Every structure is written in C-alpha cells, then in structure tokens.
Amino acid sequence: MESKISIVIPAFNVEKYLKDCVLSVFSQKYSNMEIILIDDGSMDKTGDICEELKKEDERVIVIHQPNQGLSNTRNLGLKIATGKYIYFMDSDDTLNLGMFKELIPKMDEHELDCIAFCAREISSKGNSSYKAKAPLSMYNRIIKGMDILEKYIPAAAVWTYLYRREYLIEHDLRFKPGILYEDMLFTPQLLLTNPKMIISDGFYYNYIKREDSITTRKLQPQNYKDRCIICEYYIKRLKERRSSEYKAIDRLLITYFLETEVIYKKLSNLSQNSVLKNRHKLINDLKSLRFVETPKVYIVCRNIHLIFRLRKIKQKLFY
C-alpha cells in the first residue's frame, strides 16, 4: 500500500496560478495523499478557487484564515497534516510527473528522514535548469545531513525536499514567523539534526520565476535586516560551543554573511543608512567569535572591505 503524503500549499493572492499548481499535483497519479490548501487572507479569487478544487477532488482540504504570513501558514499545515510524509509547495509553481511515485518508495525502502531533489527554473527568457551544488559522489546514495553541510552549501528552498513528518515534529522543526528567507533558517536547522537522507539527481519541481514575485522585487531594508537575523542565529549556535557543528556552521555563516553584504551593497544610500545599526551589530558579533574555533569567519569579517574591493577590480578586469 502507498504511504500517505501531505502536500501543504499556502496560497495568497495567486488566482492566476493556483489551479495550474494543484492540477500538477492531481496529475501525479498517486492516490494516497491529502492536499492542504491554506488561503492566507487572499484579497482576490484565490479562496473561491480553493473551494472549486476541493469539489474536484475529495483529497483536497481547504482552510481559510486571516493573513498570517508564509511561515505561520506552513506551520499550520504541519500541525494538521496526517501523512507519513510531508511536502511544502509554493502555490505558483508546478510538479513534474512521477515525483511521488519515484521518491516515496525510496524513502520507504531506506527508511529516510528526508530526500532532496533538483528543480528547474522557468522564466520568460526560457528554461534554465539547476541542481543543488552537491559533489557528484553525493547523489543517489544514503548520506547524513552533516555530511552535506561540511562539504557544500545546500539549496535552502524547502520545495526541493520531501520530509518524514514525524522527524520534523520530533526535532521541533518549525518555520520562523515574520521574516523573509525563512528557508535559510529551516533547511540548515534540519540538516544540523543529521537526518538520514538521499540527494536525488532527478528534476521534479518547476520554479516559475515571475516578475511580480517576492524573489524578484526590488531589495528593501527589510531584506537586509532579515538576513542579519539569520546570520545572528548561526553566530549564537557557534557561541554555544557545539564542537561537532563548527566546520558546518563556519562554512554556512561565511556564505550567508557575504550574501548579506551583497544585499547591503545593492541598497540605495538612504536604505543603507537605515540599516547601519544592524550592520554594525552583525559585524561586531562576528568579530567576537574566537579565531581558534571559526578561523574562516574571523578572517572574512576582518577583511570584508578588501574582499569587495578585490571583487570590483576583478569585474573591471574580466567583464
């Protein structure tokens, strides 16, 4: 018998895209699933479309709520889900055929806590595919979460992972409310619990890059502030002196800090001034880390101006 999976789809003002999203789930030809549509206070016809989809398939569960944001909505989906496995999907994207038929038997056979897979980005300029930047030797074999963090920076997007629901509950893994980039907290937190997993090289998800989406909007001070919150979380973990995590978080923190600095550089002068306190605090907190435990972080944060100066020189020379 097929293991049951819960697909959680938060929906906010996506009347143009929601039907295609859910129809791609229907087309999976996987019978034992529940599709949890949560209308997060939409002001368009999203709620009505949810009800129409519910009439089309009895496996659809619809919840309407005042706007709570993406993290709270996903957390609600986790709370009410009943499947052995759980999957979080964005309401304006689609799935490729065979996803659950191919991945769930692997999770059953190997008793996995999660499985990662590849996605395809689709934009107005055409299709461009990408994989999680894993070494080839790590694909399609059983590994542990810490193995990933110690070797490369994984894709954070939760729609590139399928989870065993009880594992998330047992480890109290939830999405942090009220911030952007919530996946950049959730996914590393998951991997730091060292789950048993596989990275599949199959492409199962279509990420539709739209001009009106959150990820394509002009950067605002809040983008930078929320990135700082994420970096501060990993600084805190380093200060807790968990020696088994030093190597993994050292690499993660450097990457996230440099990405945060890139966002800062892209802000307008006025916006930069509004986040100066956040930036000074972050850099000072990074400098407070001990060199012995986090040498890479120590060196990077003390030479951040030089790093960006060299980057500008490289761009002038080679581009």
C-alpha atoms as a PDB file:
ATOM      1  CA  MET A   1       0.000   0.000   0.000  1.00  0.00           C
ATOM      2  CA  GLU A   2       1.197   3.516  -0.804  1.00  0.00           C
ATOM      3  CA  SER A   3       2.469   5.581   2.123  1.00  0.00           C
ATOM      4  CA  LYS A   4       0.380   8.688   2.683  1.00  0.00           C
ATOM      5  CA  ILE A   5       1.811  12.105   1.883  1.00  0.00           C
ATOM      6  CA  SER A   6       0.507  15.533   2.891  1.00  0.00           C
ATOM      7  CA  ILE A   7       1.124  18.375   0.429  1.00  0.00           C
ATOM      8  CA  VAL A   8       0.894  21.777   2.126  1.00  0.00           C
ATOM      9  CA  ILE A   9       0.217  24.698  -0.243  1.00  0.00           C
ATOM     10  CA  PRO A  10      -0.078  28.189   1.306  1.00  0.00           C
ATOM     11  CA  ALA A  11      -1.987  30.471  -1.066  1.00  0.00           C
ATOM     12  CA  PHE A  12      -2.077  34.274  -1.012  1.00  0.00           C
ATOM     13  CA  ASN A  13      -3.418  36.284  -3.955  1.00  0.00           C
ATOM     14  CA  VAL A  14      -2.485  33.652  -6.553  1.00  0.00           C
ATOM     15  CA  GLU A  15      -5.705  33.433  -8.552  1.00  0.00           C
ATOM     16  CA  LYS A  16      -3.705  33.340 -11.816  1.00  0.00           C
ATOM     17  CA  TYR A  17      -1.518  30.411 -10.836  1.00  0.00           C
ATOM     18  CA  LEU A  18      -3.158  28.250  -8.160  1.00  0.00           C
ATOM     19  CA  LYS A  19      -5.144  25.996 -10.465  1.00  0.00           C
ATOM     20  CA  ASP A  20      -2.099  25.003 -12.538  1.00  0.00           C
ATOM     21  CA  CYS A  21      -0.214  24.319  -9.326  1.00  0.00           C
ATOM     22  CA  VAL A  22      -2.846  21.990  -7.868  1.00  0.00           C
ATOM     23  CA  LEU A  23      -3.588  20.285 -11.200  1.00  0.00           C
ATOM     24  CA  SER A  24       0.094  19.318 -11.376  1.00  0.00           C
ATOM     25  CA  VAL A  25      -0.400  17.600  -8.005  1.00  0.00           C
ATOM     26  CA  PHE A  26      -3.565  15.828  -9.218  1.00  0.00           C
ATOM     27  CA  SER A  27      -1.626  14.566 -12.258  1.00  0.00           C
ATOM     28  CA  GLN A  28       0.900  12.713 -10.086  1.00  0.00           C
ATOM     29  CA  LYS A  29      -1.265   9.566 -10.230  1.00  0.00           C
ATOM     30  CA  TYR A  30      -0.502   8.953  -6.568  1.00  0.00           C
ATOM     31  CA  SER A  31      -3.694   8.113  -4.727  1.00  0.00           C
ATOM     32  CA  ASN A  32      -2.774   8.169  -1.023  1.00  0.00           C
ATOM     33  CA  MET A  33      -2.315  11.869  -0.446  1.00  0.00           C
ATOM     34  CA  GLU A  34      -4.001  14.873   1.105  1.00  0.00           C
ATOM     35  CA  ILE A  35      -3.637  18.323  -0.422  1.00  0.00           C
ATOM     36  CA  ILE A  36      -3.884  21.036   2.225  1.00  0.00           C
ATOM     37  CA  LEU A  37      -4.742  24.393   0.629  1.00  0.00           C
ATOM     38  CA  ILE A  38      -4.494  27.268   3.095  1.00  0.00           C
ATOM     39  CA  ASP A  39      -5.969  30.531   1.839  1.00  0.00           C
ATOM     40  CA  ASP A  40      -3.912  33.059   3.798  1.00  0.00           C
ATOM     41  CA  GLY A  41      -6.309  36.009   3.751  1.00  0.00           C
ATOM     42  CA  SER A  42      -6.291  36.481  -0.024  1.00  0.00           C
ATOM     43  CA  MET A  43      -7.994  39.566  -1.441  1.00  0.00           C
ATOM     44  CA  ASP A  44      -8.591  38.133  -4.909  1.00  0.00           C
ATOM     45  CA  LYS A  45     -10.413  34.956  -6.012  1.00  0.00           C
ATOM     46  CA  THR A  46      -7.861  32.564  -4.503  1.00  0.00           C
ATOM     47  CA  GLY A  47     -10.292  31.418  -1.795  1.00  0.00           C
ATOM     48  CA  ASP A  48     -13.010  30.648  -4.352  1.00  0.00           C
ATOM     49  CA  ILE A  49     -10.560  28.670  -6.483  1.00  0.00           C
ATOM     50  CA  CYS A  50      -9.573  26.633  -3.420  1.00  0.00           C
ATOM     51  CA  GLU A  51     -13.224  25.684  -2.913  1.00  0.00           C
ATOM     52  CA  GLU A  52     -13.613  24.767  -6.601  1.00  0.00           C
ATOM     53  CA  LEU A  53     -10.572  22.484  -6.398  1.00  0.00           C
ATOM     54  CA  LYS A  54     -11.998  20.864  -3.279  1.00  0.00           C
ATOM     55  CA  LYS A  55     -15.126  19.941  -5.253  1.00  0.00           C
ATOM     56  CA  GLU A  56     -12.963  18.370  -7.969  1.00  0.00           C
ATOM     57  CA  ASP A  57     -11.069  16.037  -5.631  1.00  0.00           C
ATOM     58  CA  GLU A  58     -12.037  14.757  -2.185  1.00  0.00           C
ATOM     59  CA  ARG A  59      -8.376  14.634  -1.157  1.00  0.00           C
ATOM     60  CA  VAL A  60      -8.289  18.443  -1.034  1.00  0.00           C
ATOM     61  CA  ILE A  61      -8.603  20.096   2.384  1.00  0.00           C
ATOM     62  CA  VAL A  62      -9.268  23.851   2.392  1.00  0.00           C
ATOM     63  CA  ILE A  63      -8.594  26.254   5.249  1.00  0.00           C
ATOM     64  CA  HIS A  64      -9.350  29.986   5.145  1.00  0.00           C
ATOM     65  CA  GLN A  65      -7.605  32.270   7.645  1.00  0.00           C
ATOM     66  CA  PRO A  66      -6.742  35.949   8.153  1.00  0.00           C
ATOM     67  CA  ASN A  67      -3.325  36.733   6.727  1.00  0.00           C
ATOM     68  CA  GLN A  68      -0.641  35.111   8.902  1.00  0.00           C
ATOM     69  CA  GLY A  69       2.341  35.022   6.559  1.00  0.00           C
ATOM     70  CA  LEU A  70       4.131  32.118   4.905  1.00  0.00           C
ATOM     71  CA  SER A  71       5.880  30.674   7.971  1.00  0.00           C
ATOM     72  CA  ASN A  72       2.791  30.568  10.182  1.00  0.00           C
ATOM     73  CA  THR A  73       0.782  29.072   7.336  1.00  0.00           C
ATOM     74  CA  ARG A  74       3.304  26.305   6.718  1.00  0.00           C
ATOM     75  CA  ASN A  75       3.439  25.604  10.459  1.00  0.00           C
ATOM     76  CA  LEU A  76      -0.342  25.246  10.487  1.00  0.00           C
ATOM     77  CA  GLY A  77      -0.117  22.809   7.590  1.00  0.00           C
ATOM     78  CA  LEU A  78       2.406  20.723   9.519  1.00  0.00           C
ATOM     79  CA  LYS A  79       0.138  20.750  12.556  1.00  0.00           C
ATOM     80  CA  ILE A  80      -2.931  19.400  10.760  1.00  0.00           C
ATOM     81  CA  ALA A  81      -1.163  17.061   8.307  1.00  0.00           C
ATOM     82  CA  THR A  82      -1.724  13.329   8.799  1.00  0.00           C
ATOM     83  CA  GLY A  83       0.588  11.805   6.174  1.00  0.00           C
ATOM     84  CA  LYS A  84       3.686   9.742   6.893  1.00  0.00           C
ATOM     85  CA  TYR A  85       5.490  12.218   4.662  1.00  0.00           C
ATOM     86  CA  ILE A  86       5.011  15.944   4.153  1.00  0.00           C
ATOM     87  CA  TYR A  87       5.850  18.301   1.320  1.00  0.00           C
ATOM     88  CA  PHE A  88       5.715  22.122   1.246  1.00  0.00           C
ATOM     89  CA  MET A  89       4.934  23.572  -2.171  1.00  0.00           C
ATOM     90  CA  ASP A  90       4.663  27.155  -3.418  1.00  0.00           C
ATOM     91  CA  SER A  91       1.279  27.997  -4.914  1.00  0.00           C
ATOM     92  CA  ASP A  92       2.607  29.473  -8.172  1.00  0.00           C
ATOM     93  CA  ASP A  93       4.884  26.568  -9.143  1.00  0.00           C
ATOM     94  CA  THR A  94       4.277  23.092 -10.593  1.00  0.00           C
ATOM     95  CA  LEU A  95       5.444  19.486 -10.178  1.00  0.00           C
ATOM     96  CA  ASN A  96       6.742  17.144 -12.847  1.00  0.00           C
ATOM     97  CA  LEU A  97       5.083  13.781 -13.421  1.00  0.00           C
ATOM     98  CA  GLY A  98       6.208  10.856 -11.296  1.00  0.00           C
ATOM     99  CA  MET A  99       7.608  12.792  -8.354  1.00  0.00           C
ATOM    100  CA  PHE A 100       5.822  10.958  -5.543  1.00  0.00           C
ATOM    101  CA  LYS A 101       5.744   7.594  -7.359  1.00  0.00           C
ATOM    102  CA  GLU A 102       9.535   7.677  -7.619  1.00  0.00           C
ATOM    103  CA  LEU A 103      10.621   9.374  -4.384  1.00  0.00           C
ATOM    104  CA  ILE A 104       8.282   7.922  -1.746  1.00  0.00           C
ATOM    105  CA  PRO A 105       9.226   4.257  -2.407  1.00  0.00           C
ATOM    106  CA  LYS A 106      12.881   5.271  -1.913  1.00  0.00           C
ATOM    107  CA  MET A 107      12.015   6.853   1.433  1.00  0.00           C
ATOM    108  CA  ASP A 108      10.120   3.729   2.467  1.00  0.00           C
ATOM    109  CA  GLU A 109      12.792   1.298   1.310  1.00  0.00           C
ATOM    110  CA  HIS A 110      15.702   3.069   3.013  1.00  0.00           C
ATOM    111  CA  GLU A 111      13.718   4.470   5.973  1.00  0.00           C
ATOM    112  CA  LEU A 112      14.850   8.002   5.141  1.00  0.00           C
ATOM    113  CA  ASP A 113      14.111  11.123   7.163  1.00  0.00           C
ATOM    114  CA  CYS A 114      14.136  13.283   4.043  1.00  0.00           C
ATOM    115  CA  ILE A 115      15.086  13.264   0.403  1.00  0.00           C
ATOM    116  CA  ALA A 116      16.426  16.204  -1.622  1.00  0.00           C
ATOM    117  CA  PHE A 117      15.997  16.610  -5.365  1.00  0.00           C
ATOM    118  CA  CYS A 118      16.543  19.018  -8.238  1.00  0.00           C
ATOM    119  CA  ALA A 119      14.370  21.775  -9.669  1.00  0.00           C
ATOM    120  CA  ARG A 120      14.029  23.554 -12.969  1.00  0.00           C
ATOM    121  CA  GLU A 121      13.755  27.327 -13.158  1.00  0.00           C
ATOM    122  CA  ILE A 122      11.362  28.615 -15.797  1.00  0.00           C
ATOM    123  CA  SER A 123      11.328  32.280 -16.779  1.00  0.00           C
ATOM    124  CA  SER A 124      10.111  34.459 -19.632  1.00  0.00           C
ATOM    125  CA  LYS A 125      13.556  34.023 -21.208  1.00  0.00           C
ATOM    126  CA  GLY A 126      13.246  30.248 -21.403  1.00  0.00           C
ATOM    127  CA  ASN A 127      14.170  27.253 -19.266  1.00  0.00           C
ATOM    128  CA  SER A 128      17.342  27.118 -17.224  1.00  0.00           C
ATOM    129  CA  SER A 129      17.902  24.082 -15.041  1.00  0.00           C
ATOM    130  CA  TYR A 130      19.943  23.902 -11.891  1.00  0.00           C
ATOM    131  CA  LYS A 131      20.909  21.365  -9.265  1.00  0.00           C
ATOM    132  CA  ALA A 132      21.838  21.660  -5.647  1.00  0.00           C
ATOM    133  CA  LYS A 133      25.587  22.223  -5.761  1.00  0.00           C
ATOM    134  CA  ALA A 134      26.449  18.778  -4.455  1.00  0.00           C
ATOM    135  CA  PRO A 135      29.575  16.858  -5.443  1.00  0.00           C
ATOM    136  CA  LEU A 136      28.639  14.151  -7.943  1.00  0.00           C
ATOM    137  CA  SER A 137      29.721  11.494  -5.452  1.00  0.00           C
ATOM    138  CA  MET A 138      26.900  12.539  -3.088  1.00  0.00           C
ATOM    139  CA  TYR A 139      23.999  11.913  -5.454  1.00  0.00           C
ATOM    140  CA  ASN A 140      21.743   8.863  -5.203  1.00  0.00           C
ATOM    141  CA  ARG A 141      23.299   7.312  -2.118  1.00  0.00           C
ATOM    142  CA  ILE A 142      22.468   7.331   1.579  1.00  0.00           C
ATOM    143  CA  ILE A 143      24.178  10.170   3.455  1.00  0.00           C
ATOM    144  CA  LYS A 144      23.698  12.184   6.644  1.00  0.00           C
ATOM    145  CA  GLY A 145      22.708  15.836   6.921  1.00  0.00           C
ATOM    146  CA  MET A 146      26.004  16.914   8.495  1.00  0.00           C
ATOM    147  CA  ASP A 147      27.895  15.330   5.575  1.00  0.00           C
ATOM    148  CA  ILE A 148      26.188  17.852   3.313  1.00  0.00           C
ATOM    149  CA  LEU A 149      26.875  20.927   5.438  1.00  0.00           C
ATOM    150  CA  GLU A 150      30.547  20.013   5.814  1.00  0.00           C
ATOM    151  CA  LYS A 151      31.066  19.658   2.056  1.00  0.00           C
ATOM    152  CA  TYR A 152      28.936  22.336   0.389  1.00  0.00           C
ATOM    153  CA  ILE A 153      26.161  24.887   0.896  1.00  0.00           C
ATOM    154  CA  PRO A 154      22.888  23.132   0.022  1.00  0.00           C
ATOM    155  CA  ALA A 155      19.824  24.580  -1.667  1.00  0.00           C
ATOM    156  CA  ALA A 156      17.683  26.100   1.081  1.00  0.00           C
ATOM    157  CA  ALA A 157      14.309  26.097  -0.714  1.00  0.00           C
ATOM    158  CA  VAL A 158      12.025  23.678   1.136  1.00  0.00           C
ATOM    159  CA  TRP A 159      10.293  22.696  -2.100  1.00  0.00           C
ATOM    160  CA  THR A 160      13.447  20.752  -3.023  1.00  0.00           C
ATOM    161  CA  TYR A 161      12.952  18.422  -0.028  1.00  0.00           C
ATOM    162  CA  LEU A 162      10.434  15.763   0.928  1.00  0.00           C
ATOM    163  CA  TYR A 163      10.259  15.050   4.681  1.00  0.00           C
ATOM    164  CA  ARG A 164       9.164  12.342   7.058  1.00  0.00           C
ATOM    165  CA  ARG A 165       6.587  14.274   9.050  1.00  0.00           C
ATOM    166  CA  GLU A 166       7.341  12.708  12.441  1.00  0.00           C
ATOM    167  CA  TYR A 167      11.009  13.633  12.061  1.00  0.00           C
ATOM    168  CA  LEU A 168      10.118  17.333  11.852  1.00  0.00           C
ATOM    169  CA  ILE A 169       7.860  17.006  14.900  1.00  0.00           C
ATOM    170  CA  GLU A 170      10.385  15.013  16.949  1.00  0.00           C
ATOM    171  CA  HIS A 171      13.075  17.641  16.348  1.00  0.00           C
ATOM    172  CA  ASP A 172      10.697  20.585  16.842  1.00  0.00           C
ATOM    173  CA  LEU A 173      11.472  21.964  13.393  1.00  0.00           C
ATOM    174  CA  ARG A 174       9.245  24.904  12.515  1.00  0.00           C
ATOM    175  CA  PHE A 175       9.399  27.950  10.241  1.00  0.00           C
ATOM    176  CA  LYS A 176      10.303  31.239  11.935  1.00  0.00           C
ATOM    177  CA  PRO A 177       7.380  33.691  11.583  1.00  0.00           C
ATOM    178  CA  GLY A 178       7.748  37.269  10.445  1.00  0.00           C
ATOM    179  CA  ILE A 179      10.906  37.113   8.341  1.00  0.00           C
ATOM    180  CA  LEU A 180      11.867  36.762   4.693  1.00  0.00           C
ATOM    181  CA  TYR A 181      14.249  33.949   3.700  1.00  0.00           C
ATOM    182  CA  GLU A 182      12.716  31.603   6.292  1.00  0.00           C
ATOM    183  CA  ASP A 183      14.029  28.595   4.343  1.00  0.00           C
ATOM    184  CA  MET A 184      17.608  29.719   5.058  1.00  0.00           C
ATOM    185  CA  LEU A 185      16.924  29.007   8.714  1.00  0.00           C
ATOM    186  CA  PHE A 186      14.745  25.929   8.331  1.00  0.00           C
ATOM    187  CA  THR A 187      16.875  23.844   5.964  1.00  0.00           C
ATOM    188  CA  PRO A 188      20.235  24.164   7.768  1.00  0.00           C
ATOM    189  CA  GLN A 189      18.442  23.580  11.085  1.00  0.00           C
ATOM    190  CA  LEU A 190      17.090  20.369   9.594  1.00  0.00           C
ATOM    191  CA  LEU A 191      20.493  19.254   8.315  1.00  0.00           C
ATOM    192  CA  LEU A 192      22.155  20.042  11.662  1.00  0.00           C
ATOM    193  CA  THR A 193      19.909  17.380  13.239  1.00  0.00           C
ATOM    194  CA  ASN A 194      21.800  14.937  10.976  1.00  0.00           C
ATOM    195  CA  PRO A 195      18.879  13.239   9.187  1.00  0.00           C
ATOM    196  CA  LYS A 196      19.332  10.086   7.132  1.00  0.00           C
ATOM    197  CA  MET A 197      18.737  11.143   3.531  1.00  0.00           C
ATOM    198  CA  ILE A 198      19.417  10.839  -0.178  1.00  0.00           C
ATOM    199  CA  ILE A 199      20.065  13.570  -2.767  1.00  0.00           C
ATOM    200  CA  SER A 200      18.301  12.555  -5.970  1.00  0.00           C
ATOM    201  CA  ASP A 201      19.553  13.870  -9.304  1.00  0.00           C
ATOM    202  CA  GLY A 202      16.007  13.843 -10.692  1.00  0.00           C
ATOM    203  CA  PHE A 203      14.225  17.066 -11.679  1.00  0.00           C
ATOM    204  CA  TYR A 204      10.777  17.067 -10.085  1.00  0.00           C
ATOM    205  CA  TYR A 205       9.914  20.724  -9.404  1.00  0.00           C
ATOM    206  CA  ASN A 206       9.308  23.687 -11.698  1.00  0.00           C
ATOM    207  CA  TYR A 207      10.144  27.008 -10.083  1.00  0.00           C
ATOM    208  CA  ILE A 208       8.287  29.668 -12.059  1.00  0.00           C
ATOM    209  CA  LYS A 209      10.211  32.931 -11.808  1.00  0.00           C
ATOM    210  CA  ARG A 210       7.678  35.737 -12.140  1.00  0.00           C
ATOM    211  CA  GLU A 211       8.176  39.500 -12.342  1.00  0.00           C
ATOM    212  CA  ASP A 212       5.661  40.110  -9.540  1.00  0.00           C
ATOM    213  CA  SER A 213       7.035  37.514  -7.118  1.00  0.00           C
ATOM    214  CA  ILE A 214       8.701  38.269  -3.772  1.00  0.00           C
ATOM    215  CA  THR A 215      12.057  36.983  -5.027  1.00  0.00           C
ATOM    216  CA  THR A 216      12.152  39.390  -7.980  1.00  0.00           C
ATOM    217  CA  ARG A 217      11.082  42.586  -6.211  1.00  0.00           C
ATOM    218  CA  LYS A 218      13.488  45.461  -5.571  1.00  0.00           C
ATOM    219  CA  LEU A 219      15.560  44.946  -2.433  1.00  0.00           C
ATOM    220  CA  GLN A 220      14.370  46.838   0.633  1.00  0.00           C
ATOM    221  CA  PRO A 221      15.910  47.446   4.102  1.00  0.00           C
ATOM    222  CA  GLN A 222      13.796  44.571   5.436  1.00  0.00           C
ATOM    223  CA  ASN A 223      15.631  42.154   3.137  1.00  0.00           C
ATOM    224  CA  TYR A 224      18.892  43.128   4.790  1.00  0.00           C
ATOM    225  CA  LYS A 225      17.521  43.141   8.350  1.00  0.00           C
ATOM    226  CA  ASP A 226      16.057  39.659   7.981  1.00  0.00           C
ATOM    227  CA  ARG A 227      19.335  38.362   6.580  1.00  0.00           C
ATOM    228  CA  CYS A 228      21.037  39.765   9.672  1.00  0.00           C
ATOM    229  CA  ILE A 229      18.587  37.847  11.878  1.00  0.00           C
ATOM    230  CA  ILE A 230      19.557  34.636  10.093  1.00  0.00           C
ATOM    231  CA  CYS A 231      23.290  35.300  10.489  1.00  0.00           C
ATOM    232  CA  GLU A 232      22.805  36.151  14.175  1.00  0.00           C
ATOM    233  CA  TYR A 233      21.126  32.766  14.713  1.00  0.00           C
ATOM    234  CA  TYR A 234      24.205  30.919  13.429  1.00  0.00           C
ATOM    235  CA  ILE A 235      26.532  33.153  15.440  1.00  0.00           C
ATOM    236  CA  LYS A 236      24.556  32.156  18.524  1.00  0.00           C
ATOM    237  CA  ARG A 237      24.949  28.465  17.682  1.00  0.00           C
ATOM    238  CA  LEU A 238      28.697  28.895  17.282  1.00  0.00           C
ATOM    239  CA  LYS A 239      28.914  30.601  20.666  1.00  0.00           C
ATOM    240  CA  GLU A 240      27.163  27.619  22.246  1.00  0.00           C
ATOM    241  CA  ARG A 241      30.424  25.763  21.606  1.00  0.00           C
ATOM    242  CA  ARG A 242      28.927  22.749  19.836  1.00  0.00           C
ATOM    243  CA  SER A 243      32.237  21.441  18.512  1.00  0.00           C
ATOM    244  CA  SER A 244      30.570  18.966  16.137  1.00  0.00           C
ATOM    245  CA  GLU A 245      28.968  21.891  14.290  1.00  0.00           C
ATOM    246  CA  TYR A 246      31.976  24.232  13.953  1.00  0.00           C
ATOM    247  CA  LYS A 247      33.015  23.162  10.459  1.00  0.00           C
ATOM    248  CA  ALA A 248      29.462  23.104   9.099  1.00  0.00           C
ATOM    249  CA  ILE A 249      28.360  26.438  10.548  1.00  0.00           C
ATOM    250  CA  ASP A 250      31.690  28.128   9.787  1.00  0.00           C
ATOM    251  CA  ARG A 251      31.142  27.485   6.077  1.00  0.00           C
ATOM    252  CA  LEU A 252      27.435  28.362   6.256  1.00  0.00           C
ATOM    253  CA  LEU A 253      27.973  31.617   8.125  1.00  0.00           C
ATOM    254  CA  ILE A 254      30.634  32.864   5.719  1.00  0.00           C
ATOM    255  CA  THR A 255      28.349  32.264   2.745  1.00  0.00           C
ATOM    256  CA  TYR A 256      25.312  33.871   4.362  1.00  0.00           C
ATOM    257  CA  PHE A 257      27.337  36.837   5.634  1.00  0.00           C
ATOM    258  CA  LEU A 258      28.811  37.549   2.191  1.00  0.00           C
ATOM    259  CA  GLU A 259      25.347  37.272   0.623  1.00  0.00           C
ATOM    260  CA  THR A 260      24.063  39.696   3.259  1.00  0.00           C
ATOM    261  CA  GLU A 261      26.817  42.141   2.354  1.00  0.00           C
ATOM    262  CA  VAL A 262      25.881  41.855  -1.321  1.00  0.00           C
ATOM    263  CA  ILE A 263      22.322  42.864  -0.412  1.00  0.00           C
ATOM    264  CA  TYR A 264      23.688  45.827   1.567  1.00  0.00           C
ATOM    265  CA  LYS A 265      25.758  46.980  -1.417  1.00  0.00           C
ATOM    266  CA  LYS A 266      22.668  46.850  -3.656  1.00  0.00           C
ATOM    267  CA  LEU A 267      20.546  49.041  -1.372  1.00  0.00           C
ATOM    268  CA  SER A 268      20.173  52.749  -2.091  1.00  0.00           C
ATOM    269  CA  ASN A 269      22.195  55.172   0.053  1.00  0.00           C
ATOM    270  CA  LEU A 270      19.073  56.062   2.017  1.00  0.00           C
ATOM    271  CA  SER A 271      18.281  52.414   2.654  1.00  0.00           C
ATOM    272  CA  GLN A 272      21.883  51.709   3.657  1.00  0.00           C
ATOM    273  CA  ASN A 273      21.697  54.448   6.274  1.00  0.00           C
ATOM    274  CA  SER A 274      18.530  52.903   7.730  1.00  0.00           C
ATOM    275  CA  VAL A 275      20.268  49.564   8.397  1.00  0.00           C
ATOM    276  CA  LEU A 276      23.663  50.789   9.625  1.00  0.00           C
ATOM    277  CA  LYS A 277      22.929  49.772  13.231  1.00  0.00           C
ATOM    278  CA  ASN A 278      22.030  46.266  12.088  1.00  0.00           C
ATOM    279  CA  ARG A 279      25.202  46.025  10.025  1.00  0.00           C
ATOM    280  CA  HIS A 280      27.488  47.274  12.794  1.00  0.00           C
ATOM    281  CA  LYS A 281      25.960  44.836  15.267  1.00  0.00           C
ATOM    282  CA  LEU A 282      26.351  41.910  12.886  1.00  0.00           C
ATOM    283  CA  ILE A 283      29.985  42.678  12.106  1.00  0.00           C
ATOM    284  CA  ASN A 284      30.825  43.230  15.786  1.00  0.00           C
ATOM    285  CA  ASP A 285      29.154  39.948  16.727  1.00  0.00           C
ATOM    286  CA  LEU A 286      31.144  38.167  14.040  1.00  0.00           C
ATOM    287  CA  LYS A 287      34.358  39.719  15.312  1.00  0.00           C
ATOM    288  CA  SER A 288      33.572  38.444  18.808  1.00  0.00           C
ATOM    289  CA  LEU A 289      33.877  34.829  17.640  1.00  0.00           C
ATOM    290  CA  ARG A 290      37.062  33.036  18.609  1.00  0.00           C
ATOM    291  CA  PHE A 291      39.688  32.553  15.899  1.00  0.00           C
ATOM    292  CA  VAL A 292      40.561  29.026  17.083  1.00  0.00           C
ATOM    293  CA  GLU A 293      37.016  27.755  16.527  1.00  0.00           C
ATOM    294  CA  THR A 294      35.979  29.761  13.468  1.00  0.00           C
ATOM    295  CA  PRO A 295      39.130  30.933  11.658  1.00  0.00           C
ATOM    296  CA  LYS A 296      37.429  31.456   8.290  1.00  0.00           C
ATOM    297  CA  VAL A 297      34.677  33.658   9.737  1.00  0.00           C
ATOM    298  CA  TYR A 298      37.283  35.568  11.748  1.00  0.00           C
ATOM    299  CA  ILE A 299      39.389  36.327   8.662  1.00  0.00           C
ATOM    300  CA  VAL A 300      36.474  37.164   6.338  1.00  0.00           C
ATOM    301  CA  CYS A 301      34.724  39.645   8.638  1.00  0.00           C
ATOM    302  CA  ARG A 302      38.002  41.481   9.304  1.00  0.00           C
ATOM    303  CA  ASN A 303      38.716  41.819   5.607  1.00  0.00           C
ATOM    304  CA  ILE A 304      35.228  42.377   4.224  1.00  0.00           C
ATOM    305  CA  HIS A 305      36.073  45.769   2.672  1.00  0.00           C
ATOM    306  CA  LEU A 306      39.131  44.276   0.948  1.00  0.00           C
ATOM    307  CA  ILE A 307      37.085  41.341  -0.361  1.00  0.00           C
ATOM    308  CA  PHE A 308      34.562  43.632  -2.051  1.00  0.00           C
ATOM    309  CA  ARG A 309      37.308  45.933  -3.335  1.00  0.00           C
ATOM    310  CA  LEU A 310      39.050  42.968  -4.980  1.00  0.00           C
ATOM    311  CA  ARG A 311      35.733  41.810  -6.377  1.00  0.00           C
ATOM    312  CA  LYS A 312      35.213  45.193  -8.073  1.00  0.00           C
ATOM    313  CA  ILE A 313      38.729  45.047  -9.535  1.00  0.00           C
ATOM    314  CA  LYS A 314      38.077  41.527 -10.873  1.00  0.00           C
ATOM    315  CA  GLN A 315      34.839  42.663 -12.511  1.00  0.00           C
ATOM    316  CA  LYS A 316      36.622  45.565 -14.236  1.00  0.00           C
ATOM    317  CA  LEU A 317      39.406  43.278 -15.475  1.00  0.00           C
ATOM    318  CA  PHE A 318      37.393  40.320 -16.714  1.00  0.00           C
ATOM    319  CA  TYR A 319      33.892  41.576 -17.605  1.00  0.00           C
END
